[in-house]
Amino acid sequence: ADGRVNLTGKCELIKDKEEIEKAKEIYMKKHPGAFWASFGDFNWFRLDVESIRFVGGFARAGSISAEEYKNAKPDPVAEFGAAISGHMNEDHMSATIAMVQGEVPSLEPDEENPVEEAIITSVDSLGMYVKVTRKEAVSFLPKSFKCRLPFPRKAEDRKDVKMLIVEMTQAAASKED
């Protein structure tokens, strides 16, 4: 399963008209096609977060305080990560396959059981999640599975992500030679 976060705290209906307009403005910026937000029976709520629990999958879980949550900064790549994924999946899947084969043990190029598809599902400043599909399952891996490709260093902006992906693709190509 993918990572998830549980936020707990007190949730209250927003009644102040100015606060409703501010909440709507923020929501519509993130979800521009949300026509339902203008329905007369649509309500706005505020969650005052008291605790946070992260479950990241196998053997990855933890908690942070409400103060740590409030002080956290968004990942600098999150805003354009989906665009990078889309571009790479549409135009450069062979590069993603090469990176996966170069970085993931047991996925070296195999003519009898090739990696047929490597779809980047998300990109952040530390790396990418990739859904990999091989021709056939092997004893310890199903036919399709997700893996994490970490960047060699943290990416700070869009240009940096491009440079890191180029470096990783070139490194994978040099392993094939």
N, C-alpha and C. Protein backbone atom coordinates (compact mmCIF):
# COMPACT_ATOMS: atom_id res chain seq x y z
N ALA A 1 0.84 -1.20 0.00
CA ALA A 1 0.00 0.00 0.00
C ALA A 1 0.87 1.25 0.00
N ASP A 2 0.34 2.30 -0.52
CA ASP A 2 1.04 3.58 -0.53
C ASP A 2 1.03 4.19 0.86
N GLY A 3 1.92 5.14 1.08
CA GLY A 3 1.98 5.83 2.35
C GLY A 3 0.72 6.64 2.61
N ARG A 4 0.41 6.81 3.86
CA ARG A 4 -0.76 7.60 4.24
C ARG A 4 -0.53 8.27 5.57
N VAL A 5 -1.29 9.31 5.82
CA VAL A 5 -1.17 10.08 7.05
C VAL A 5 -2.56 10.19 7.68
N ASN A 6 -2.61 9.96 8.97
CA ASN A 6 -3.85 10.18 9.73
C ASN A 6 -3.68 11.44 10.56
N LEU A 7 -4.55 12.40 10.34
CA LEU A 7 -4.56 13.63 11.12
C LEU A 7 -5.74 13.54 12.09
N THR A 8 -5.47 13.76 13.36
CA THR A 8 -6.56 13.76 14.33
C THR A 8 -6.58 15.09 15.07
N GLY A 9 -7.76 15.48 15.47
CA GLY A 9 -7.91 16.74 16.18
C GLY A 9 -9.37 17.14 16.24
N LYS A 10 -9.62 18.40 16.53
CA LYS A 10 -10.99 18.91 16.62
C LYS A 10 -11.38 19.54 15.28
N CYS A 11 -12.53 19.13 14.78
CA CYS A 11 -13.03 19.63 13.51
C CYS A 11 -14.27 20.47 13.78
N GLU A 12 -14.27 21.69 13.22
CA GLU A 12 -15.40 22.59 13.45
C GLU A 12 -15.88 23.19 12.13
N LEU A 13 -17.20 23.37 12.05
CA LEU A 13 -17.82 24.03 10.91
C LEU A 13 -17.38 25.50 10.90
N ILE A 14 -16.93 25.97 9.74
CA ILE A 14 -16.56 27.38 9.60
C ILE A 14 -17.83 28.17 9.34
N LYS A 15 -18.08 29.19 10.14
CA LYS A 15 -19.30 29.99 10.01
C LYS A 15 -19.04 31.40 9.51
N ASP A 16 -17.85 31.94 9.79
CA ASP A 16 -17.50 33.30 9.40
C ASP A 16 -17.36 33.39 7.88
N LYS A 17 -18.10 34.33 7.25
CA LYS A 17 -18.13 34.45 5.78
C LYS A 17 -16.74 34.74 5.19
N GLU A 18 -15.96 35.59 5.84
CA GLU A 18 -14.62 35.90 5.33
C GLU A 18 -13.73 34.66 5.38
N GLU A 19 -13.83 33.91 6.47
CA GLU A 19 -13.01 32.69 6.60
C GLU A 19 -13.45 31.64 5.58
N ILE A 20 -14.75 31.58 5.29
CA ILE A 20 -15.26 30.66 4.27
C ILE A 20 -14.69 31.03 2.91
N GLU A 21 -14.70 32.31 2.58
CA GLU A 21 -14.16 32.76 1.29
C GLU A 21 -12.67 32.45 1.17
N LYS A 22 -11.94 32.63 2.26
CA LYS A 22 -10.51 32.32 2.25
C LYS A 22 -10.29 30.81 2.05
N ALA A 23 -11.06 29.99 2.75
CA ALA A 23 -10.96 28.54 2.60
C ALA A 23 -11.29 28.12 1.17
N LYS A 24 -12.35 28.72 0.61
CA LYS A 24 -12.76 28.40 -0.75
C LYS A 24 -11.68 28.79 -1.76
N GLU A 25 -11.08 29.95 -1.56
CA GLU A 25 -10.02 30.41 -2.46
C GLU A 25 -8.85 29.42 -2.46
N ILE A 26 -8.43 28.97 -1.30
CA ILE A 26 -7.33 28.01 -1.19
C ILE A 26 -7.71 26.69 -1.86
N TYR A 27 -8.91 26.22 -1.57
CA TYR A 27 -9.39 24.95 -2.12
C TYR A 27 -9.48 25.00 -3.64
N MET A 28 -10.03 26.08 -4.16
CA MET A 28 -10.21 26.20 -5.61
C MET A 28 -8.87 26.33 -6.34
N LYS A 29 -7.89 26.90 -5.68
CA LYS A 29 -6.56 26.98 -6.29
C LYS A 29 -5.99 25.57 -6.48
N LYS A 30 -6.23 24.71 -5.51
CA LYS A 30 -5.73 23.33 -5.57
C LYS A 30 -6.62 22.45 -6.43
N HIS A 31 -7.93 22.73 -6.46
CA HIS A 31 -8.90 21.92 -7.20
C HIS A 31 -9.76 22.83 -8.09
N PRO A 32 -9.19 23.34 -9.19
CA PRO A 32 -9.90 24.34 -9.99
C PRO A 32 -11.22 23.86 -10.61
N GLY A 33 -11.41 22.58 -10.78
CA GLY A 33 -12.64 22.08 -11.37
C GLY A 33 -13.70 21.68 -10.36
N ALA A 34 -13.53 22.07 -9.10
CA ALA A 34 -14.44 21.65 -8.03
C ALA A 34 -15.72 22.49 -8.02
N PHE A 35 -16.58 22.26 -9.00
CA PHE A 35 -17.82 23.02 -9.13
C PHE A 35 -18.73 22.86 -7.91
N TRP A 36 -18.64 21.73 -7.23
CA TRP A 36 -19.48 21.45 -6.07
C TRP A 36 -19.23 22.39 -4.90
N ALA A 37 -18.07 23.04 -4.90
CA ALA A 37 -17.76 23.96 -3.80
C ALA A 37 -18.68 25.18 -3.82
N SER A 38 -19.39 25.41 -4.92
CA SER A 38 -20.33 26.53 -5.00
C SER A 38 -21.77 26.13 -4.72
N PHE A 39 -22.01 24.85 -4.48
CA PHE A 39 -23.37 24.41 -4.15
C PHE A 39 -23.79 25.02 -2.82
N GLY A 40 -25.04 25.35 -2.68
CA GLY A 40 -25.56 25.98 -1.47
C GLY A 40 -25.44 25.12 -0.23
N ASP A 41 -25.37 23.80 -0.39
CA ASP A 41 -25.29 22.93 0.78
C ASP A 41 -23.85 22.46 1.07
N PHE A 42 -22.88 23.06 0.38
CA PHE A 42 -21.47 22.71 0.62
C PHE A 42 -21.00 23.42 1.88
N ASN A 43 -20.38 22.68 2.79
CA ASN A 43 -19.90 23.26 4.05
C ASN A 43 -18.38 23.21 4.12
N TRP A 44 -17.84 24.14 4.85
CA TRP A 44 -16.39 24.25 5.05
C TRP A 44 -16.08 23.98 6.51
N PHE A 45 -15.02 23.18 6.73
CA PHE A 45 -14.63 22.81 8.08
C PHE A 45 -13.16 23.14 8.31
N ARG A 46 -12.82 23.36 9.54
CA ARG A 46 -11.44 23.60 9.96
C ARG A 46 -11.05 22.47 10.89
N LEU A 47 -9.90 21.86 10.64
CA LEU A 47 -9.37 20.82 11.52
C LEU A 47 -8.19 21.40 12.27
N ASP A 48 -8.31 21.48 13.58
CA ASP A 48 -7.18 21.88 14.41
C ASP A 48 -6.44 20.61 14.78
N VAL A 49 -5.34 20.39 14.08
CA VAL A 49 -4.59 19.14 14.19
C VAL A 49 -3.93 19.03 15.56
N GLU A 50 -4.14 17.87 16.19
CA GLU A 50 -3.55 17.60 17.50
C GLU A 50 -2.49 16.51 17.44
N SER A 51 -2.65 15.56 16.52
CA SER A 51 -1.63 14.51 16.38
C SER A 51 -1.62 13.98 14.95
N ILE A 52 -0.47 13.45 14.55
CA ILE A 52 -0.26 12.97 13.20
C ILE A 52 0.41 11.62 13.27
N ARG A 53 -0.10 10.68 12.50
CA ARG A 53 0.48 9.33 12.41
C ARG A 53 0.73 9.03 10.94
N PHE A 54 1.96 8.67 10.61
CA PHE A 54 2.34 8.32 9.25
C PHE A 54 2.51 6.81 9.16
N VAL A 55 1.91 6.22 8.13
CA VAL A 55 2.12 4.81 7.83
C VAL A 55 2.62 4.76 6.39
N GLY A 56 3.88 4.38 6.22
CA GLY A 56 4.49 4.43 4.90
C GLY A 56 4.58 3.09 4.21
N GLY A 57 4.03 2.07 4.80
CA GLY A 57 4.13 0.75 4.20
C GLY A 57 4.95 -0.15 5.11
N PHE A 58 5.44 -1.21 4.57
CA PHE A 58 6.15 -2.23 5.34
C PHE A 58 7.28 -1.61 6.17
N ALA A 59 7.17 -1.77 7.48
CA ALA A 59 8.21 -1.36 8.44
C ALA A 59 8.50 0.14 8.44
N ARG A 60 7.56 0.95 8.00
CA ARG A 60 7.75 2.40 8.00
C ARG A 60 6.53 3.07 8.59
N ALA A 61 6.64 3.49 9.82
CA ALA A 61 5.53 4.19 10.48
C ALA A 61 6.11 5.08 11.55
N GLY A 62 5.38 6.09 11.93
CA GLY A 62 5.85 6.98 12.98
C GLY A 62 4.86 8.10 13.23
N SER A 63 5.16 8.88 14.22
CA SER A 63 4.30 10.00 14.59
C SER A 63 5.12 11.28 14.66
N ILE A 64 4.44 12.40 14.45
CA ILE A 64 5.06 13.71 14.68
C ILE A 64 4.08 14.53 15.49
N SER A 65 4.60 15.55 16.12
CA SER A 65 3.75 16.41 16.94
C SER A 65 3.00 17.41 16.06
N ALA A 66 1.96 17.97 16.63
CA ALA A 66 1.21 19.00 15.91
C ALA A 66 2.12 20.19 15.59
N GLU A 67 3.02 20.52 16.49
CA GLU A 67 3.95 21.63 16.27
C GLU A 67 4.89 21.33 15.08
N GLU A 68 5.42 20.11 15.01
CA GLU A 68 6.27 19.73 13.88
C GLU A 68 5.49 19.80 12.57
N TYR A 69 4.24 19.37 12.61
CA TYR A 69 3.38 19.41 11.42
C TYR A 69 3.16 20.85 10.96
N LYS A 70 2.86 21.74 11.90
CA LYS A 70 2.60 23.14 11.56
C LYS A 70 3.84 23.83 11.01
N ASN A 71 5.02 23.40 11.45
CA ASN A 71 6.27 24.02 11.02
C ASN A 71 6.86 23.38 9.76
N ALA A 72 6.27 22.27 9.29
CA ALA A 72 6.80 21.58 8.12
C ALA A 72 6.64 22.43 6.86
N LYS A 73 7.55 22.27 5.95
CA LYS A 73 7.51 22.98 4.67
C LYS A 73 7.19 21.98 3.56
N PRO A 74 6.42 22.38 2.56
CA PRO A 74 6.13 21.48 1.44
C PRO A 74 7.42 21.10 0.70
N ASP A 75 7.42 19.92 0.15
CA ASP A 75 8.54 19.47 -0.66
C ASP A 75 8.67 20.42 -1.85
N PRO A 76 9.87 20.92 -2.15
CA PRO A 76 10.01 21.91 -3.23
C PRO A 76 9.69 21.35 -4.62
N VAL A 77 9.65 20.04 -4.77
CA VAL A 77 9.38 19.43 -6.07
C VAL A 77 7.90 19.06 -6.22
N ALA A 78 7.17 19.01 -5.12
CA ALA A 78 5.78 18.55 -5.14
C ALA A 78 4.91 19.30 -6.15
N GLU A 79 5.13 20.58 -6.29
CA GLU A 79 4.30 21.42 -7.16
C GLU A 79 4.36 21.00 -8.62
N PHE A 80 5.50 20.47 -9.06
CA PHE A 80 5.64 20.11 -10.47
C PHE A 80 6.03 18.64 -10.67
N GLY A 81 6.01 17.84 -9.61
CA GLY A 81 6.37 16.42 -9.71
C GLY A 81 5.49 15.64 -10.68
N ALA A 82 4.18 15.93 -10.68
CA ALA A 82 3.26 15.22 -11.58
C ALA A 82 3.59 15.52 -13.05
N ALA A 83 3.97 16.76 -13.34
CA ALA A 83 4.33 17.11 -14.72
C ALA A 83 5.58 16.37 -15.16
N ILE A 84 6.54 16.22 -14.25
CA ILE A 84 7.76 15.48 -14.57
C ILE A 84 7.42 14.01 -14.82
N SER A 85 6.60 13.43 -13.94
CA SER A 85 6.19 12.03 -14.12
C SER A 85 5.52 11.85 -15.47
N GLY A 86 4.56 12.71 -15.79
CA GLY A 86 3.85 12.60 -17.06
C GLY A 86 4.78 12.68 -18.26
N HIS A 87 5.68 13.64 -18.23
CA HIS A 87 6.64 13.80 -19.34
C HIS A 87 7.53 12.57 -19.47
N MET A 88 8.07 12.11 -18.37
CA MET A 88 8.95 10.94 -18.42
C MET A 88 8.20 9.70 -18.89
N ASN A 89 6.97 9.52 -18.42
CA ASN A 89 6.19 8.34 -18.81
C ASN A 89 5.82 8.37 -20.29
N GLU A 90 5.51 9.56 -20.81
CA GLU A 90 5.11 9.68 -22.21
C GLU A 90 6.29 9.63 -23.18
N ASP A 91 7.41 10.26 -22.80
CA ASP A 91 8.50 10.45 -23.76
C ASP A 91 9.80 9.71 -23.44
N HIS A 92 9.98 9.25 -22.21
CA HIS A 92 11.29 8.71 -21.84
C HIS A 92 11.21 7.44 -20.99
N MET A 93 10.22 6.58 -21.27
CA MET A 93 10.09 5.37 -20.46
C MET A 93 11.33 4.49 -20.57
N SER A 94 11.98 4.46 -21.71
CA SER A 94 13.19 3.64 -21.85
C SER A 94 14.27 4.10 -20.88
N ALA A 95 14.36 5.40 -20.63
CA ALA A 95 15.32 5.92 -19.65
C ALA A 95 14.95 5.46 -18.25
N THR A 96 13.65 5.47 -17.92
CA THR A 96 13.21 5.01 -16.60
C THR A 96 13.50 3.53 -16.44
N ILE A 97 13.25 2.74 -17.48
CA ILE A 97 13.58 1.31 -17.42
C ILE A 97 15.07 1.13 -17.18
N ALA A 98 15.90 1.89 -17.88
CA ALA A 98 17.35 1.79 -17.69
C ALA A 98 17.75 2.15 -16.26
N MET A 99 17.13 3.21 -15.70
CA MET A 99 17.45 3.58 -14.32
C MET A 99 17.06 2.48 -13.35
N VAL A 100 15.87 1.90 -13.53
CA VAL A 100 15.41 0.81 -12.65
C VAL A 100 16.37 -0.37 -12.76
N GLN A 101 16.72 -0.74 -13.98
CA GLN A 101 17.61 -1.88 -14.16
C GLN A 101 19.01 -1.62 -13.61
N GLY A 102 19.42 -0.36 -13.61
CA GLY A 102 20.73 -0.02 -13.10
C GLY A 102 20.79 0.10 -11.58
N GLU A 103 19.65 0.39 -10.96
CA GLU A 103 19.63 0.66 -9.53
C GLU A 103 19.03 -0.43 -8.66
N VAL A 104 18.13 -1.23 -9.20
CA VAL A 104 17.43 -2.22 -8.39
C VAL A 104 18.09 -3.58 -8.56
N PRO A 105 18.61 -4.14 -7.46
CA PRO A 105 19.22 -5.48 -7.55
C PRO A 105 18.23 -6.49 -8.12
N SER A 106 18.71 -7.39 -8.92
CA SER A 106 17.94 -8.47 -9.57
C SER A 106 17.12 -7.99 -10.76
N LEU A 107 17.22 -6.73 -11.13
CA LEU A 107 16.49 -6.25 -12.31
C LEU A 107 17.42 -5.88 -13.46
N GLU A 108 18.61 -6.45 -13.43
CA GLU A 108 19.52 -6.21 -14.53
C GLU A 108 18.83 -6.63 -15.83
N PRO A 109 19.26 -6.08 -16.97
CA PRO A 109 18.63 -6.46 -18.24
C PRO A 109 18.60 -7.98 -18.42
N ASP A 110 17.44 -8.50 -18.80
CA ASP A 110 17.22 -9.94 -18.95
C ASP A 110 16.35 -10.14 -20.19
N GLU A 111 16.94 -10.69 -21.25
CA GLU A 111 16.20 -10.85 -22.50
C GLU A 111 15.00 -11.78 -22.36
N GLU A 112 15.09 -12.77 -21.47
CA GLU A 112 13.99 -13.73 -21.30
C GLU A 112 12.86 -13.18 -20.43
N ASN A 113 13.19 -12.28 -19.52
CA ASN A 113 12.18 -11.70 -18.63
C ASN A 113 12.43 -10.19 -18.50
N PRO A 114 12.20 -9.45 -19.59
CA PRO A 114 12.53 -8.03 -19.57
C PRO A 114 11.55 -7.19 -18.74
N VAL A 115 12.04 -6.04 -18.31
CA VAL A 115 11.15 -5.03 -17.75
C VAL A 115 10.43 -4.43 -18.95
N GLU A 116 9.11 -4.57 -18.96
CA GLU A 116 8.32 -4.10 -20.09
C GLU A 116 7.82 -2.68 -19.91
N GLU A 117 7.70 -2.27 -18.65
CA GLU A 117 7.14 -0.95 -18.37
C GLU A 117 7.69 -0.46 -17.04
N ALA A 118 7.98 0.83 -16.97
CA ALA A 118 8.41 1.47 -15.73
C ALA A 118 7.73 2.84 -15.68
N ILE A 119 6.66 2.92 -14.91
CA ILE A 119 5.86 4.13 -14.84
C ILE A 119 6.17 4.89 -13.56
N ILE A 120 6.63 6.11 -13.70
CA ILE A 120 6.90 6.94 -12.53
C ILE A 120 5.55 7.38 -11.97
N THR A 121 5.29 7.02 -10.71
CA THR A 121 4.01 7.37 -10.10
C THR A 121 4.09 8.66 -9.31
N SER A 122 5.28 9.01 -8.83
CA SER A 122 5.44 10.30 -8.14
C SER A 122 6.92 10.65 -8.08
N VAL A 123 7.16 11.96 -8.00
CA VAL A 123 8.52 12.50 -7.90
C VAL A 123 8.53 13.50 -6.76
N ASP A 124 9.54 13.42 -5.91
CA ASP A 124 9.73 14.41 -4.86
C ASP A 124 11.20 14.81 -4.84
N SER A 125 11.60 15.62 -3.92
CA SER A 125 12.97 16.14 -3.92
C SER A 125 14.02 15.08 -3.62
N LEU A 126 13.60 13.92 -3.11
CA LEU A 126 14.55 12.86 -2.76
C LEU A 126 14.59 11.70 -3.74
N GLY A 127 13.64 11.66 -4.68
CA GLY A 127 13.63 10.57 -5.65
C GLY A 127 12.28 10.35 -6.28
N MET A 128 12.08 9.11 -6.77
CA MET A 128 10.84 8.79 -7.49
C MET A 128 10.34 7.42 -7.07
N TYR A 129 9.01 7.27 -7.12
CA TYR A 129 8.39 5.96 -7.00
C TYR A 129 8.05 5.50 -8.40
N VAL A 130 8.35 4.24 -8.68
CA VAL A 130 8.15 3.70 -10.02
C VAL A 130 7.40 2.37 -9.92
N LYS A 131 6.37 2.23 -10.74
CA LYS A 131 5.66 0.95 -10.86
C LYS A 131 6.32 0.20 -12.01
N VAL A 132 6.91 -0.94 -11.68
CA VAL A 132 7.68 -1.73 -12.64
C VAL A 132 6.86 -2.96 -13.03
N THR A 133 6.85 -3.28 -14.33
CA THR A 133 6.19 -4.49 -14.81
C THR A 133 7.18 -5.28 -15.65
N ARG A 134 7.37 -6.53 -15.24
CA ARG A 134 8.22 -7.45 -16.00
C ARG A 134 7.34 -8.35 -16.84
N LYS A 135 7.96 -9.08 -17.76
CA LYS A 135 7.21 -10.02 -18.59
C LYS A 135 6.57 -11.10 -17.71
N GLU A 136 7.31 -11.59 -16.72
CA GLU A 136 6.82 -12.64 -15.83
C GLU A 136 7.27 -12.35 -14.40
N ALA A 137 6.54 -12.91 -13.45
CA ALA A 137 6.95 -12.82 -12.05
C ALA A 137 8.20 -13.69 -11.85
N VAL A 138 8.98 -13.36 -10.84
CA VAL A 138 10.09 -14.22 -10.42
C VAL A 138 9.80 -14.66 -9.00
N SER A 139 10.58 -15.59 -8.49
CA SER A 139 10.25 -16.22 -7.21
C SER A 139 9.97 -15.22 -6.08
N PHE A 140 10.67 -14.12 -6.04
CA PHE A 140 10.51 -13.18 -4.93
C PHE A 140 9.86 -11.85 -5.31
N LEU A 141 9.54 -11.67 -6.59
CA LEU A 141 8.90 -10.43 -7.04
C LEU A 141 7.69 -10.76 -7.91
N PRO A 142 6.57 -10.09 -7.66
CA PRO A 142 5.43 -10.29 -8.57
C PRO A 142 5.73 -9.66 -9.93
N LYS A 143 4.85 -9.90 -10.88
CA LYS A 143 5.03 -9.35 -12.22
C LYS A 143 5.10 -7.82 -12.17
N SER A 144 4.25 -7.18 -11.38
CA SER A 144 4.25 -5.73 -11.20
C SER A 144 4.48 -5.39 -9.74
N PHE A 145 5.27 -4.38 -9.49
CA PHE A 145 5.58 -3.96 -8.12
C PHE A 145 6.06 -2.52 -8.16
N LYS A 146 6.03 -1.88 -7.01
CA LYS A 146 6.56 -0.51 -6.89
C LYS A 146 7.94 -0.56 -6.27
N CYS A 147 8.76 0.38 -6.70
CA CYS A 147 10.08 0.52 -6.08
C CYS A 147 10.40 2.01 -5.96
N ARG A 148 11.37 2.30 -5.15
CA ARG A 148 11.82 3.67 -4.93
C ARG A 148 13.18 3.84 -5.58
N LEU A 149 13.30 4.86 -6.42
CA LEU A 149 14.59 5.23 -7.00
C LEU A 149 15.04 6.53 -6.33
N PRO A 150 15.98 6.46 -5.39
CA PRO A 150 16.42 7.69 -4.74
C PRO A 150 17.34 8.49 -5.64
N PHE A 151 17.26 9.80 -5.53
CA PHE A 151 18.22 10.66 -6.21
C PHE A 151 19.55 10.60 -5.47
N PRO A 152 20.67 10.84 -6.17
CA PRO A 152 21.97 10.84 -5.49
C PRO A 152 22.11 11.96 -4.45
N ARG A 153 21.30 12.99 -4.61
CA ARG A 153 21.28 14.10 -3.65
C ARG A 153 19.90 14.77 -3.74
N LYS A 154 19.59 15.60 -2.79
CA LYS A 154 18.30 16.27 -2.77
C LYS A 154 18.19 17.27 -3.92
N ALA A 155 17.04 17.23 -4.61
CA ALA A 155 16.77 18.18 -5.68
C ALA A 155 16.15 19.44 -5.08
N GLU A 156 16.57 20.57 -5.55
CA GLU A 156 16.07 21.84 -5.02
C GLU A 156 15.02 22.50 -5.91
N ASP A 157 15.05 22.19 -7.22
CA ASP A 157 14.12 22.82 -8.15
C ASP A 157 13.96 21.95 -9.39
N ARG A 158 13.15 22.41 -10.34
CA ARG A 158 12.85 21.64 -11.55
C ARG A 158 14.12 21.34 -12.36
N LYS A 159 14.97 22.34 -12.53
CA LYS A 159 16.22 22.16 -13.28
C LYS A 159 17.09 21.09 -12.63
N ASP A 160 17.14 21.10 -11.31
CA ASP A 160 17.94 20.13 -10.57
C ASP A 160 17.39 18.72 -10.76
N VAL A 161 16.06 18.56 -10.75
CA VAL A 161 15.46 17.24 -10.98
C VAL A 161 15.87 16.73 -12.36
N LYS A 162 15.78 17.59 -13.37
CA LYS A 162 16.17 17.18 -14.73
C LYS A 162 17.62 16.73 -14.76
N MET A 163 18.50 17.50 -14.12
CA MET A 163 19.91 17.16 -14.10
C MET A 163 20.15 15.81 -13.41
N LEU A 164 19.45 15.58 -12.30
CA LEU A 164 19.61 14.32 -11.57
C LEU A 164 19.12 13.14 -12.40
N ILE A 165 17.99 13.29 -13.09
CA ILE A 165 17.48 12.21 -13.93
C ILE A 165 18.44 11.93 -15.08
N VAL A 166 18.99 12.97 -15.68
CA VAL A 166 19.98 12.78 -16.75
C VAL A 166 21.20 12.04 -16.21
N GLU A 167 21.69 12.45 -15.04
CA GLU A 167 22.85 11.78 -14.43
C GLU A 167 22.55 10.30 -14.17
N MET A 168 21.36 10.02 -13.63
CA MET A 168 20.99 8.64 -13.32
C MET A 168 20.85 7.81 -14.60
N THR A 169 20.30 8.41 -15.65
CA THR A 169 20.16 7.71 -16.94
C THR A 169 21.53 7.43 -17.53
N GLN A 170 22.44 8.41 -17.47
CA GLN A 170 23.80 8.20 -18.00
C GLN A 170 24.54 7.14 -17.20
N ALA A 171 24.37 7.15 -15.88
CA ALA A 171 25.02 6.13 -15.04
C ALA A 171 24.48 4.74 -15.39
N ALA A 172 23.17 4.64 -15.63
CA ALA A 172 22.59 3.35 -16.00
C ALA A 172 23.12 2.89 -17.35
N ALA A 173 23.24 3.81 -18.29
CA ALA A 173 23.75 3.48 -19.62
C ALA A 173 25.20 3.00 -19.54
N SER A 174 26.00 3.62 -18.67
CA SER A 174 27.40 3.21 -18.56
C SER A 174 27.53 1.82 -17.93
N LYS A 175 26.56 1.42 -17.11
CA LYS A 175 26.58 0.06 -16.55
C LYS A 175 26.27 -0.99 -17.61
N GLU A 176 25.47 -0.60 -18.61
CA GLU A 176 25.11 -1.53 -19.69
C GLU A 176 26.28 -1.79 -20.62
N ASP A 177 27.21 -0.82 -20.73
CA ASP A 177 28.35 -0.96 -21.66
C ASP A 177 29.38 -1.93 -21.17
